[in-house]
N, C-alpha and C. Protein backbone atom coordinates (compact mmCIF):
# COMPACT_ATOMS: atom_id res chain seq x y z
N MET A 1 -12.36 -0.03 -39.92
CA MET A 1 -13.12 -0.95 -39.07
C MET A 1 -12.26 -2.14 -38.65
N GLU A 2 -11.47 -2.67 -39.57
CA GLU A 2 -10.59 -3.79 -39.23
C GLU A 2 -9.57 -3.40 -38.17
N LEU A 3 -9.04 -2.17 -38.28
CA LEU A 3 -8.07 -1.68 -37.31
C LEU A 3 -8.72 -1.58 -35.93
N TYR A 4 -9.97 -1.12 -35.91
CA TYR A 4 -10.68 -1.00 -34.63
C TYR A 4 -10.78 -2.36 -33.94
N PHE A 5 -11.18 -3.39 -34.69
CA PHE A 5 -11.33 -4.71 -34.09
C PHE A 5 -9.98 -5.32 -33.73
N LEU A 6 -8.95 -5.00 -34.50
CA LEU A 6 -7.61 -5.49 -34.18
C LEU A 6 -7.14 -4.90 -32.86
N LYS A 7 -7.36 -3.61 -32.69
CA LYS A 7 -6.97 -2.96 -31.44
C LYS A 7 -7.77 -3.53 -30.28
N LYS A 8 -9.06 -3.72 -30.49
CA LYS A 8 -9.91 -4.24 -29.42
C LYS A 8 -9.48 -5.65 -29.02
N LYS A 9 -9.13 -6.46 -30.01
CA LYS A 9 -8.70 -7.83 -29.75
C LYS A 9 -7.40 -7.86 -28.95
N ASN A 10 -6.51 -6.91 -29.20
CA ASN A 10 -5.21 -6.91 -28.55
C ASN A 10 -5.17 -6.11 -27.26
N MET A 11 -6.30 -5.55 -26.85
CA MET A 11 -6.34 -4.78 -25.61
C MET A 11 -6.04 -5.70 -24.43
N HIS A 12 -5.27 -5.18 -23.49
CA HIS A 12 -4.94 -5.98 -22.31
C HIS A 12 -6.17 -6.08 -21.41
N LYS A 13 -6.36 -7.23 -20.84
CA LYS A 13 -7.50 -7.45 -19.95
C LYS A 13 -7.03 -7.40 -18.49
N TYR A 14 -7.73 -6.64 -17.68
CA TYR A 14 -7.41 -6.54 -16.26
C TYR A 14 -8.54 -7.18 -15.46
N ASP A 15 -8.19 -8.12 -14.62
CA ASP A 15 -9.18 -8.79 -13.78
C ASP A 15 -9.28 -8.02 -12.46
N LEU A 16 -10.34 -7.25 -12.32
CA LEU A 16 -10.56 -6.46 -11.11
C LEU A 16 -11.76 -6.97 -10.32
N SER A 17 -12.11 -8.22 -10.56
CA SER A 17 -13.30 -8.78 -9.92
C SER A 17 -13.15 -8.92 -8.41
N HIS A 18 -11.90 -8.78 -7.90
CA HIS A 18 -11.68 -8.89 -6.46
C HIS A 18 -12.08 -7.62 -5.72
N LEU A 19 -12.33 -6.53 -6.43
CA LEU A 19 -12.73 -5.27 -5.80
C LEU A 19 -14.24 -5.26 -5.64
N ILE A 20 -14.72 -5.60 -4.45
CA ILE A 20 -16.13 -5.93 -4.25
C ILE A 20 -16.81 -5.04 -3.21
N GLN A 21 -16.22 -3.92 -2.84
CA GLN A 21 -16.82 -3.07 -1.82
C GLN A 21 -18.06 -2.35 -2.36
N ASN A 22 -18.92 -1.92 -1.44
CA ASN A 22 -20.07 -1.10 -1.82
C ASN A 22 -19.58 0.20 -2.46
N GLU A 23 -20.45 0.84 -3.20
CA GLU A 23 -20.06 2.00 -3.99
C GLU A 23 -19.47 3.12 -3.13
N ASN A 24 -19.97 3.28 -1.89
CA ASN A 24 -19.44 4.37 -1.05
C ASN A 24 -18.16 3.98 -0.31
N GLN A 25 -17.70 2.74 -0.46
CA GLN A 25 -16.44 2.26 0.11
C GLN A 25 -16.33 2.56 1.62
N ASP A 26 -17.43 2.40 2.31
CA ASP A 26 -17.48 2.64 3.76
C ASP A 26 -16.98 1.38 4.47
N VAL A 27 -15.66 1.24 4.52
CA VAL A 27 -15.03 0.07 5.15
C VAL A 27 -13.99 0.55 6.16
N TRP A 28 -13.85 -0.22 7.24
CA TRP A 28 -12.87 0.10 8.27
C TRP A 28 -11.88 -1.05 8.37
N GLY A 29 -10.61 -0.75 8.17
CA GLY A 29 -9.57 -1.77 8.22
C GLY A 29 -8.89 -1.96 6.88
N PRO A 30 -9.59 -2.52 5.89
CA PRO A 30 -8.92 -2.74 4.59
C PRO A 30 -8.76 -1.46 3.79
N ILE A 31 -7.95 -1.54 2.75
CA ILE A 31 -7.86 -0.43 1.81
C ILE A 31 -9.19 -0.30 1.08
N GLN A 32 -9.51 0.92 0.68
CA GLN A 32 -10.70 1.15 -0.12
C GLN A 32 -10.42 0.79 -1.58
N ASP A 33 -11.45 0.51 -2.33
CA ASP A 33 -11.26 0.04 -3.70
C ASP A 33 -10.55 1.06 -4.59
N ASP A 34 -10.83 2.35 -4.40
CA ASP A 34 -10.10 3.37 -5.17
C ASP A 34 -8.60 3.28 -4.89
N GLU A 35 -8.26 3.08 -3.62
CA GLU A 35 -6.85 2.97 -3.23
C GLU A 35 -6.23 1.69 -3.78
N ALA A 36 -7.01 0.61 -3.75
CA ALA A 36 -6.52 -0.66 -4.29
C ALA A 36 -6.23 -0.53 -5.78
N LEU A 37 -7.12 0.15 -6.49
CA LEU A 37 -6.92 0.35 -7.93
C LEU A 37 -5.67 1.18 -8.20
N PHE A 38 -5.44 2.20 -7.38
CA PHE A 38 -4.25 3.05 -7.50
C PHE A 38 -2.97 2.22 -7.31
N LEU A 39 -2.94 1.39 -6.27
CA LEU A 39 -1.76 0.57 -6.00
C LEU A 39 -1.59 -0.53 -7.06
N TYR A 40 -2.69 -1.07 -7.54
CA TYR A 40 -2.66 -2.06 -8.62
C TYR A 40 -1.96 -1.45 -9.84
N GLY A 41 -2.36 -0.23 -10.19
CA GLY A 41 -1.76 0.44 -11.33
C GLY A 41 -0.28 0.73 -11.13
N LEU A 42 0.10 1.11 -9.91
CA LEU A 42 1.50 1.38 -9.61
C LEU A 42 2.34 0.11 -9.79
N ILE A 43 1.86 -1.00 -9.27
CA ILE A 43 2.59 -2.26 -9.36
C ILE A 43 2.77 -2.68 -10.81
N ARG A 44 1.70 -2.56 -11.60
CA ARG A 44 1.79 -2.93 -13.01
C ARG A 44 2.69 -1.96 -13.78
N THR A 45 2.54 -0.68 -13.51
CA THR A 45 3.30 0.33 -14.25
C THR A 45 4.80 0.20 -13.99
N ALA A 46 5.18 0.02 -12.71
CA ALA A 46 6.59 -0.06 -12.33
C ALA A 46 7.14 -1.49 -12.44
N ARG A 47 6.30 -2.45 -12.82
CA ARG A 47 6.70 -3.85 -12.94
C ARG A 47 7.34 -4.34 -11.63
N ILE A 48 6.69 -4.02 -10.54
CA ILE A 48 7.15 -4.44 -9.22
C ILE A 48 7.00 -5.95 -9.11
N LYS A 49 8.02 -6.61 -8.56
CA LYS A 49 8.06 -8.07 -8.54
C LYS A 49 7.98 -8.68 -7.14
N THR A 50 8.44 -7.95 -6.13
CA THR A 50 8.45 -8.48 -4.76
C THR A 50 7.89 -7.42 -3.82
N ILE A 51 6.83 -7.78 -3.10
CA ILE A 51 6.16 -6.86 -2.18
C ILE A 51 6.21 -7.43 -0.77
N LEU A 52 6.49 -6.57 0.20
CA LEU A 52 6.37 -6.93 1.61
C LEU A 52 5.25 -6.10 2.22
N GLU A 53 4.26 -6.79 2.74
CA GLU A 53 3.09 -6.15 3.36
C GLU A 53 3.18 -6.34 4.87
N ILE A 54 3.14 -5.24 5.61
CA ILE A 54 3.17 -5.29 7.07
C ILE A 54 1.76 -5.07 7.59
N GLY A 55 1.15 -6.12 8.11
CA GLY A 55 -0.24 -6.07 8.55
C GLY A 55 -1.13 -6.68 7.49
N GLY A 56 -1.76 -7.81 7.80
CA GLY A 56 -2.51 -8.53 6.77
C GLY A 56 -4.01 -8.51 6.93
N LEU A 57 -4.50 -8.48 8.18
CA LEU A 57 -5.92 -8.50 8.50
C LEU A 57 -6.59 -9.67 7.76
N ASN A 58 -7.66 -9.41 7.00
CA ASN A 58 -8.40 -10.51 6.36
C ASN A 58 -7.96 -10.77 4.93
N GLY A 59 -6.93 -10.08 4.46
CA GLY A 59 -6.37 -10.39 3.16
C GLY A 59 -6.89 -9.58 1.99
N TYR A 60 -7.64 -8.52 2.24
CA TYR A 60 -8.20 -7.74 1.13
C TYR A 60 -7.10 -7.08 0.29
N SER A 61 -6.15 -6.42 0.97
CA SER A 61 -5.05 -5.79 0.23
C SER A 61 -4.12 -6.85 -0.36
N SER A 62 -3.97 -7.98 0.34
CA SER A 62 -3.13 -9.06 -0.19
C SER A 62 -3.65 -9.55 -1.53
N MET A 63 -4.95 -9.76 -1.62
CA MET A 63 -5.53 -10.22 -2.88
C MET A 63 -5.28 -9.21 -3.99
N ASN A 64 -5.40 -7.93 -3.67
CA ASN A 64 -5.16 -6.90 -4.68
C ASN A 64 -3.71 -6.94 -5.17
N PHE A 65 -2.76 -7.09 -4.23
CA PHE A 65 -1.35 -7.16 -4.61
C PHE A 65 -1.09 -8.39 -5.49
N LEU A 66 -1.67 -9.51 -5.11
CA LEU A 66 -1.46 -10.75 -5.87
C LEU A 66 -2.02 -10.64 -7.28
N LYS A 67 -3.18 -10.03 -7.42
CA LYS A 67 -3.76 -9.83 -8.75
C LYS A 67 -2.85 -8.94 -9.59
N ALA A 68 -2.28 -7.90 -8.97
CA ALA A 68 -1.39 -6.99 -9.70
C ALA A 68 -0.08 -7.68 -10.09
N LEU A 69 0.39 -8.57 -9.23
CA LEU A 69 1.65 -9.30 -9.49
C LEU A 69 1.49 -10.43 -10.50
N ASP A 70 0.29 -10.67 -10.94
CA ASP A 70 -0.01 -11.86 -11.73
C ASP A 70 0.60 -11.87 -13.13
N PHE A 71 1.35 -10.80 -13.49
CA PHE A 71 1.96 -10.81 -14.82
C PHE A 71 3.13 -11.78 -14.91
N SER A 72 3.59 -12.32 -13.76
CA SER A 72 4.65 -13.34 -13.77
C SER A 72 4.49 -14.25 -12.56
N LYS A 73 4.65 -15.56 -12.77
CA LYS A 73 4.54 -16.52 -11.68
C LYS A 73 5.72 -16.43 -10.72
N LYS A 74 6.79 -15.73 -11.12
CA LYS A 74 7.97 -15.60 -10.26
C LYS A 74 7.81 -14.50 -9.22
N ASN A 75 6.79 -13.68 -9.35
CA ASN A 75 6.58 -12.58 -8.41
C ASN A 75 6.04 -13.11 -7.08
N ILE A 76 6.40 -12.44 -5.99
CA ILE A 76 6.03 -12.93 -4.66
C ILE A 76 5.52 -11.79 -3.78
N LEU A 77 4.47 -12.10 -3.03
CA LEU A 77 3.98 -11.23 -1.96
C LEU A 77 4.29 -11.88 -0.63
N TYR A 78 5.00 -11.14 0.25
CA TYR A 78 5.21 -11.56 1.63
C TYR A 78 4.30 -10.72 2.52
N THR A 79 3.49 -11.38 3.31
CA THR A 79 2.64 -10.69 4.28
C THR A 79 3.11 -11.05 5.68
N CYS A 80 3.45 -10.04 6.47
CA CYS A 80 3.94 -10.27 7.83
C CYS A 80 2.93 -9.73 8.83
N ASP A 81 2.56 -10.57 9.80
CA ASP A 81 1.59 -10.19 10.83
C ASP A 81 1.86 -11.05 12.06
N ILE A 82 1.59 -10.51 13.23
CA ILE A 82 1.75 -11.31 14.45
C ILE A 82 0.59 -12.28 14.62
N ASN A 83 -0.50 -12.07 13.88
CA ASN A 83 -1.65 -12.96 13.90
C ASN A 83 -1.74 -13.74 12.59
N PRO A 84 -2.33 -14.92 12.62
CA PRO A 84 -2.47 -15.69 11.38
C PRO A 84 -3.24 -14.92 10.31
N VAL A 85 -2.79 -15.02 9.09
CA VAL A 85 -3.47 -14.39 7.95
C VAL A 85 -3.68 -15.45 6.88
N PRO A 86 -4.69 -15.31 6.05
CA PRO A 86 -4.97 -16.34 5.04
C PRO A 86 -3.93 -16.35 3.92
N LYS A 87 -3.47 -17.53 3.56
CA LYS A 87 -2.58 -17.71 2.41
C LYS A 87 -3.46 -17.82 1.18
N LEU A 88 -3.27 -16.92 0.22
CA LEU A 88 -4.21 -16.79 -0.88
C LEU A 88 -3.74 -17.40 -2.19
N SER A 89 -2.46 -17.74 -2.29
CA SER A 89 -1.95 -18.36 -3.51
C SER A 89 -0.58 -18.96 -3.24
N GLU A 90 -0.05 -19.67 -4.21
CA GLU A 90 1.26 -20.30 -4.04
C GLU A 90 2.38 -19.27 -3.89
N ASN A 91 2.23 -18.11 -4.52
CA ASN A 91 3.26 -17.08 -4.43
C ASN A 91 2.96 -16.06 -3.33
N HIS A 92 2.14 -16.46 -2.37
CA HIS A 92 1.84 -15.63 -1.20
C HIS A 92 2.46 -16.30 0.02
N ILE A 93 3.50 -15.69 0.57
CA ILE A 93 4.21 -16.23 1.72
C ILE A 93 3.80 -15.45 2.96
N CYS A 94 3.24 -16.15 3.94
CA CYS A 94 2.77 -15.50 5.17
C CYS A 94 3.80 -15.71 6.28
N LEU A 95 4.29 -14.62 6.84
CA LEU A 95 5.25 -14.65 7.94
C LEU A 95 4.53 -14.26 9.22
N ILE A 96 4.32 -15.22 10.09
CA ILE A 96 3.60 -14.95 11.34
C ILE A 96 4.65 -14.68 12.41
N LYS A 97 5.03 -13.42 12.54
CA LYS A 97 6.08 -13.02 13.47
C LYS A 97 6.08 -11.51 13.59
N ASN A 98 6.88 -11.02 14.53
CA ASN A 98 7.06 -9.58 14.65
C ASN A 98 7.84 -9.08 13.44
N ALA A 99 7.33 -8.08 12.78
CA ALA A 99 7.93 -7.62 11.52
C ALA A 99 9.36 -7.13 11.69
N LYS A 100 9.71 -6.64 12.88
CA LYS A 100 11.07 -6.13 13.08
C LYS A 100 12.10 -7.26 13.08
N ASP A 101 11.62 -8.50 13.17
CA ASP A 101 12.51 -9.66 13.20
C ASP A 101 12.62 -10.35 11.84
N ILE A 102 12.11 -9.74 10.80
CA ILE A 102 12.22 -10.33 9.47
C ILE A 102 13.69 -10.47 9.08
N SER A 103 14.07 -11.65 8.61
CA SER A 103 15.44 -11.91 8.22
C SER A 103 15.53 -12.16 6.72
N ALA A 104 16.75 -12.17 6.21
CA ALA A 104 16.96 -12.43 4.79
C ALA A 104 16.42 -13.80 4.39
N SER A 105 16.57 -14.78 5.28
CA SER A 105 16.08 -16.13 4.96
C SER A 105 14.56 -16.18 4.87
N ASP A 106 13.87 -15.31 5.63
CA ASP A 106 12.41 -15.28 5.57
C ASP A 106 11.91 -14.94 4.17
N ILE A 107 12.68 -14.12 3.46
CA ILE A 107 12.25 -13.68 2.12
C ILE A 107 13.19 -14.24 1.04
N SER A 108 13.86 -15.32 1.37
CA SER A 108 14.74 -16.02 0.41
C SER A 108 15.76 -15.10 -0.22
N ASN A 109 16.24 -14.16 0.58
CA ASN A 109 17.28 -13.21 0.14
C ASN A 109 16.88 -12.38 -1.07
N ARG A 110 15.57 -12.24 -1.29
CA ARG A 110 15.10 -11.41 -2.40
C ARG A 110 15.15 -9.93 -2.05
N LYS A 111 15.41 -9.11 -3.01
CA LYS A 111 15.35 -7.67 -2.81
C LYS A 111 13.89 -7.24 -2.90
N ILE A 112 13.43 -6.46 -1.93
CA ILE A 112 12.04 -6.02 -1.88
C ILE A 112 11.88 -4.75 -2.71
N ASP A 113 10.90 -4.77 -3.61
CA ASP A 113 10.65 -3.63 -4.48
C ASP A 113 9.66 -2.64 -3.87
N MET A 114 8.73 -3.16 -3.06
CA MET A 114 7.70 -2.29 -2.47
C MET A 114 7.37 -2.78 -1.07
N ILE A 115 7.26 -1.84 -0.13
CA ILE A 115 6.81 -2.14 1.23
C ILE A 115 5.48 -1.43 1.45
N PHE A 116 4.52 -2.15 2.01
CA PHE A 116 3.22 -1.58 2.34
C PHE A 116 3.07 -1.59 3.85
N PHE A 117 3.11 -0.42 4.48
CA PHE A 117 3.00 -0.30 5.94
C PHE A 117 1.55 -0.04 6.32
N ASP A 118 0.99 -0.95 7.15
CA ASP A 118 -0.43 -0.80 7.50
C ASP A 118 -0.76 -1.46 8.83
N CYS A 119 0.18 -1.43 9.79
CA CYS A 119 -0.13 -2.07 11.08
C CYS A 119 -0.23 -1.06 12.23
N HIS A 120 -0.04 0.23 11.94
CA HIS A 120 -0.33 1.31 12.88
C HIS A 120 0.51 1.25 14.16
N ASP A 121 1.77 0.86 13.99
CA ASP A 121 2.71 0.82 15.10
C ASP A 121 4.03 1.42 14.61
N LEU A 122 4.61 2.29 15.42
CA LEU A 122 5.84 2.97 15.00
C LEU A 122 7.02 2.01 14.87
N ILE A 123 6.83 0.79 15.34
CA ILE A 123 7.87 -0.23 15.17
C ILE A 123 8.16 -0.47 13.68
N GLN A 124 7.24 -0.03 12.83
CA GLN A 124 7.44 -0.17 11.40
C GLN A 124 8.70 0.57 10.92
N MET A 125 9.10 1.61 11.63
CA MET A 125 10.35 2.30 11.27
C MET A 125 11.54 1.39 11.55
N ASP A 126 11.47 0.58 12.61
CA ASP A 126 12.52 -0.41 12.89
C ASP A 126 12.59 -1.44 11.76
N VAL A 127 11.42 -1.80 11.23
CA VAL A 127 11.37 -2.74 10.11
C VAL A 127 12.13 -2.15 8.92
N TYR A 128 11.84 -0.89 8.63
CA TYR A 128 12.50 -0.22 7.50
C TYR A 128 14.02 -0.25 7.66
N PHE A 129 14.50 0.16 8.82
CA PHE A 129 15.96 0.22 9.03
C PHE A 129 16.59 -1.16 9.04
N ASN A 130 15.86 -2.15 9.54
CA ASN A 130 16.36 -3.53 9.51
C ASN A 130 16.54 -4.00 8.07
N LEU A 131 15.56 -3.73 7.24
CA LEU A 131 15.65 -4.13 5.83
C LEU A 131 16.77 -3.37 5.12
N LEU A 132 16.89 -2.08 5.43
CA LEU A 132 17.92 -1.26 4.79
C LEU A 132 19.31 -1.72 5.20
N ASN A 133 19.51 -1.94 6.48
CA ASN A 133 20.84 -2.32 6.98
C ASN A 133 21.26 -3.72 6.54
N ASN A 134 20.29 -4.55 6.20
CA ASN A 134 20.61 -5.90 5.73
C ASN A 134 20.54 -6.03 4.21
N ASN A 135 20.53 -4.87 3.54
CA ASN A 135 20.59 -4.83 2.08
C ASN A 135 19.43 -5.56 1.42
N LEU A 136 18.27 -5.54 2.07
CA LEU A 136 17.08 -6.18 1.52
C LEU A 136 16.21 -5.19 0.76
N ILE A 137 16.50 -3.91 0.90
CA ILE A 137 15.88 -2.88 0.07
C ILE A 137 16.98 -1.95 -0.43
N ASP A 138 16.75 -1.37 -1.58
CA ASP A 138 17.64 -0.36 -2.13
C ASP A 138 16.96 0.99 -1.91
N LYS A 139 17.56 1.86 -1.12
CA LYS A 139 16.93 3.13 -0.77
C LYS A 139 16.60 3.95 -2.00
N ASN A 140 17.35 3.78 -3.06
CA ASN A 140 17.13 4.57 -4.27
C ASN A 140 16.12 3.93 -5.23
N GLU A 141 15.61 2.75 -4.88
CA GLU A 141 14.71 2.06 -5.78
C GLU A 141 13.37 1.68 -5.14
N VAL A 142 13.35 1.44 -3.84
CA VAL A 142 12.16 0.89 -3.20
C VAL A 142 11.00 1.89 -3.19
N TYR A 143 9.81 1.36 -3.39
CA TYR A 143 8.57 2.13 -3.22
C TYR A 143 8.06 1.85 -1.81
N ILE A 144 7.87 2.91 -1.02
CA ILE A 144 7.32 2.78 0.33
C ILE A 144 5.90 3.33 0.32
N CYS A 145 4.95 2.47 0.66
CA CYS A 145 3.54 2.86 0.64
C CYS A 145 2.99 2.79 2.06
N LEU A 146 2.27 3.83 2.45
CA LEU A 146 1.66 3.90 3.78
C LEU A 146 0.16 4.11 3.64
N HIS A 147 -0.60 3.34 4.42
CA HIS A 147 -2.06 3.46 4.38
C HIS A 147 -2.56 4.27 5.58
N ASP A 148 -3.77 4.81 5.45
CA ASP A 148 -4.44 5.57 6.52
C ASP A 148 -3.71 6.87 6.83
N THR A 149 -3.26 7.57 5.83
CA THR A 149 -2.52 8.83 6.06
C THR A 149 -3.40 10.06 5.86
N ASN A 150 -4.65 9.88 5.49
CA ASN A 150 -5.55 11.00 5.28
C ASN A 150 -6.29 11.33 6.57
N LEU A 151 -6.97 12.46 6.59
CA LEU A 151 -7.85 12.83 7.70
C LEU A 151 -9.28 12.38 7.40
N HIS A 152 -10.03 12.11 8.46
CA HIS A 152 -11.47 11.91 8.35
C HIS A 152 -12.15 13.17 8.86
N TYR A 153 -13.33 13.45 8.30
CA TYR A 153 -14.01 14.69 8.65
C TYR A 153 -15.43 14.41 9.15
N ALA A 154 -15.84 15.18 10.16
CA ALA A 154 -17.20 15.10 10.65
C ALA A 154 -18.15 15.61 9.56
N PRO A 155 -19.39 15.09 9.50
CA PRO A 155 -19.98 14.15 10.46
C PRO A 155 -19.74 12.69 10.11
N TYR A 156 -18.93 12.40 9.07
CA TYR A 156 -18.82 11.03 8.57
C TYR A 156 -17.73 10.23 9.28
N GLY A 157 -16.75 10.90 9.83
CA GLY A 157 -15.69 10.20 10.53
C GLY A 157 -15.29 10.97 11.78
N ARG A 158 -15.30 10.31 12.92
CA ARG A 158 -14.98 10.98 14.18
C ARG A 158 -13.98 10.19 15.01
N GLN A 159 -13.22 9.30 14.38
CA GLN A 159 -12.26 8.48 15.11
C GLN A 159 -10.85 9.01 14.93
N GLY A 160 -10.07 9.04 16.02
CA GLY A 160 -8.69 9.48 15.94
C GLY A 160 -8.47 10.81 16.63
N ASN A 161 -7.26 11.33 16.48
CA ASN A 161 -6.90 12.61 17.08
C ASN A 161 -7.51 13.76 16.28
N PHE A 162 -8.24 14.63 16.96
CA PHE A 162 -8.84 15.78 16.28
C PHE A 162 -7.79 16.88 16.14
N LEU A 163 -7.56 17.32 14.90
CA LEU A 163 -6.59 18.38 14.61
C LEU A 163 -7.37 19.65 14.33
N GLU A 164 -7.40 20.55 15.30
CA GLU A 164 -8.26 21.73 15.21
C GLU A 164 -7.87 22.63 14.03
N ASN A 165 -6.57 22.73 13.76
CA ASN A 165 -6.15 23.62 12.68
C ASN A 165 -6.59 23.12 11.31
N GLU A 166 -6.85 21.79 11.18
CA GLU A 166 -7.30 21.23 9.91
C GLU A 166 -8.73 20.73 9.98
N GLN A 167 -9.35 20.82 11.16
CA GLN A 167 -10.74 20.43 11.36
C GLN A 167 -11.02 19.00 10.87
N GLY A 168 -10.06 18.12 11.16
CA GLY A 168 -10.22 16.72 10.78
C GLY A 168 -9.63 15.80 11.82
N PHE A 169 -9.93 14.52 11.70
CA PHE A 169 -9.46 13.51 12.64
C PHE A 169 -8.35 12.68 11.99
N ALA A 170 -7.21 12.60 12.67
CA ALA A 170 -6.12 11.73 12.22
C ALA A 170 -6.50 10.31 12.61
N HIS A 171 -7.10 9.60 11.68
CA HIS A 171 -7.64 8.26 11.92
C HIS A 171 -6.55 7.31 12.41
N GLN A 172 -5.38 7.35 11.78
CA GLN A 172 -4.24 6.53 12.20
C GLN A 172 -3.00 7.44 12.22
N PRO A 173 -2.71 8.07 13.34
CA PRO A 173 -1.61 9.05 13.38
C PRO A 173 -0.22 8.46 13.13
N VAL A 174 -0.03 7.16 13.37
CA VAL A 174 1.30 6.57 13.22
C VAL A 174 1.81 6.69 11.78
N GLU A 175 0.97 6.29 10.82
CA GLU A 175 1.42 6.34 9.42
C GLU A 175 1.60 7.79 8.95
N ARG A 176 0.84 8.72 9.52
CA ARG A 176 1.05 10.14 9.20
C ARG A 176 2.41 10.60 9.74
N MET A 177 2.73 10.16 10.94
CA MET A 177 4.02 10.48 11.53
C MET A 177 5.16 9.87 10.70
N MET A 178 4.96 8.63 10.26
CA MET A 178 5.98 7.97 9.46
C MET A 178 6.21 8.70 8.13
N THR A 179 5.15 9.24 7.55
CA THR A 179 5.30 10.02 6.32
C THR A 179 6.26 11.18 6.54
N ASN A 180 6.11 11.88 7.67
CA ASN A 180 7.02 12.99 7.99
C ASN A 180 8.45 12.49 8.20
N LEU A 181 8.58 11.32 8.84
CA LEU A 181 9.91 10.77 9.09
C LEU A 181 10.61 10.39 7.78
N PHE A 182 9.86 9.81 6.86
CA PHE A 182 10.47 9.47 5.57
C PHE A 182 10.83 10.72 4.78
N LYS A 183 10.04 11.77 4.92
CA LYS A 183 10.40 13.04 4.29
C LYS A 183 11.71 13.55 4.87
N ASN A 184 11.88 13.45 6.20
CA ASN A 184 13.12 13.88 6.85
C ASN A 184 14.31 13.02 6.42
N LEU A 185 14.04 11.79 6.00
CA LEU A 185 15.11 10.90 5.53
C LEU A 185 15.48 11.17 4.07
N GLY A 186 14.80 12.12 3.46
CA GLY A 186 15.15 12.53 2.11
C GLY A 186 14.26 11.99 1.01
N TYR A 187 13.20 11.26 1.38
CA TYR A 187 12.31 10.71 0.37
C TYR A 187 11.39 11.79 -0.22
N ASP A 188 11.08 11.64 -1.50
CA ASP A 188 10.02 12.44 -2.09
C ASP A 188 8.69 11.79 -1.74
N ILE A 189 7.67 12.63 -1.53
CA ILE A 189 6.40 12.14 -1.01
C ILE A 189 5.27 12.49 -1.96
N LEU A 190 4.45 11.49 -2.28
CA LEU A 190 3.17 11.72 -2.95
C LEU A 190 2.08 11.35 -1.96
N HIS A 191 1.46 12.36 -1.38
CA HIS A 191 0.43 12.17 -0.36
C HIS A 191 -0.94 12.33 -1.02
N CYS A 192 -1.64 11.22 -1.23
CA CYS A 192 -2.95 11.24 -1.88
C CYS A 192 -4.02 11.46 -0.82
N SER A 193 -4.58 12.66 -0.80
CA SER A 193 -5.50 13.04 0.27
C SER A 193 -6.73 13.73 -0.32
N THR A 194 -7.70 13.98 0.54
CA THR A 194 -8.91 14.68 0.14
C THR A 194 -9.19 15.81 1.11
N LYS A 195 -10.13 16.68 0.74
CA LYS A 195 -10.58 17.77 1.59
C LYS A 195 -11.98 17.46 2.12
N LYS A 196 -12.38 18.20 3.14
CA LYS A 196 -13.68 17.95 3.77
C LYS A 196 -14.81 18.03 2.75
N GLU A 197 -14.73 18.99 1.82
CA GLU A 197 -15.82 19.17 0.86
C GLU A 197 -15.89 18.06 -0.18
N ASP A 198 -14.92 17.17 -0.19
CA ASP A 198 -14.94 16.04 -1.13
C ASP A 198 -15.85 14.91 -0.65
N HIS A 199 -16.39 15.05 0.57
CA HIS A 199 -17.10 13.92 1.18
C HIS A 199 -18.56 14.22 1.48
N ASP A 200 -19.35 13.20 1.26
CA ASP A 200 -20.76 13.19 1.64
C ASP A 200 -21.17 11.72 1.76
N GLU A 201 -22.47 11.45 1.70
CA GLU A 201 -22.92 10.06 1.88
C GLU A 201 -22.39 9.13 0.79
N THR A 202 -22.06 9.68 -0.39
CA THR A 202 -21.59 8.83 -1.47
C THR A 202 -20.14 8.39 -1.27
N LEU A 203 -19.36 9.14 -0.48
CA LEU A 203 -17.99 8.77 -0.10
C LEU A 203 -17.71 9.43 1.24
N PRO A 204 -18.06 8.76 2.35
CA PRO A 204 -17.95 9.39 3.67
C PRO A 204 -16.54 9.79 4.05
N PHE A 205 -15.56 9.04 3.62
CA PHE A 205 -14.18 9.34 3.99
C PHE A 205 -13.22 8.66 3.03
N ARG A 206 -12.01 9.13 3.01
CA ARG A 206 -10.92 8.49 2.28
C ARG A 206 -9.83 8.19 3.30
N HIS A 207 -9.47 6.92 3.43
CA HIS A 207 -8.44 6.55 4.40
C HIS A 207 -7.09 7.17 4.02
N GLY A 208 -6.74 7.14 2.76
CA GLY A 208 -5.53 7.83 2.31
C GLY A 208 -4.34 6.91 2.09
N VAL A 209 -3.63 7.16 1.00
CA VAL A 209 -2.42 6.42 0.66
C VAL A 209 -1.31 7.41 0.38
N THR A 210 -0.12 7.10 0.89
CA THR A 210 1.07 7.93 0.64
C THR A 210 2.16 7.05 0.03
N ILE A 211 2.80 7.57 -1.00
CA ILE A 211 3.91 6.88 -1.66
C ILE A 211 5.19 7.67 -1.40
N CYS A 212 6.23 6.99 -0.93
CA CYS A 212 7.54 7.60 -0.70
C CYS A 212 8.55 6.94 -1.63
N ARG A 213 9.33 7.77 -2.31
CA ARG A 213 10.39 7.21 -3.17
C ARG A 213 11.46 8.26 -3.41
N ASN A 214 12.70 7.82 -3.48
CA ASN A 214 13.79 8.72 -3.81
C ASN A 214 13.76 9.05 -5.30
N PHE A 215 13.99 10.30 -5.61
CA PHE A 215 14.08 10.70 -7.01
C PHE A 215 15.54 10.77 -7.43
N ASN A 216 15.86 10.06 -8.50
CA ASN A 216 17.19 10.11 -9.07
C ASN A 216 17.10 10.91 -10.38
N TYR A 217 17.94 11.92 -10.51
CA TYR A 217 17.91 12.76 -11.70
C TYR A 217 18.05 11.90 -12.96
N LEU A 218 17.25 12.23 -13.96
CA LEU A 218 17.20 11.45 -15.18
C LEU A 218 18.28 11.90 -16.16
N SER A 219 19.03 10.94 -16.65
CA SER A 219 20.04 11.25 -17.65
C SER A 219 19.38 11.61 -18.98
N VAL A 220 19.92 12.59 -19.66
CA VAL A 220 19.37 13.00 -20.95
C VAL A 220 20.47 13.09 -22.00
């Protein structure tokens, strides 16, 4: 019994109070709470310290990243958008500019551990190459995350390009295209997706998250 209470006392506490969507997560624009929880876990597991977010909207994903980064005050989230976005904490730096023009000075010459692409413009590939060519990311270390890479299915989702062979709608085709481009660049891909039969009124659609990362053979 003492061991049980000792373990319970030492359990790590996770503050997930920022995840406030309705149970069916029927939201357009922000990441869904299931996706936020997945990315939160990735950031904590990999001890990611510096994140660059492309596309900020109302700050829902920003808050999730900041909560995940909260294990150290030295960690920083950079959010880049051509429109003003809310600054949510002292370690949240908002860059109001075209993302392809991000410079080393904008991010204090920090190496970026994770990029979150979510602005639905192919110019995001220019952002990637700009960061790579200026040594702001390490191709063998960076986590590349893309949002809206899943299909939506009728009758719950009818927006985007209809793909007859898959009987679904490409809600945001740009990030799906970018996933293929990163695969062609040699990245390993974890594409978190769902099938049509996974959806009903309780979960009308899954926007989808894709993780790209280079695999380096493990020494043994």
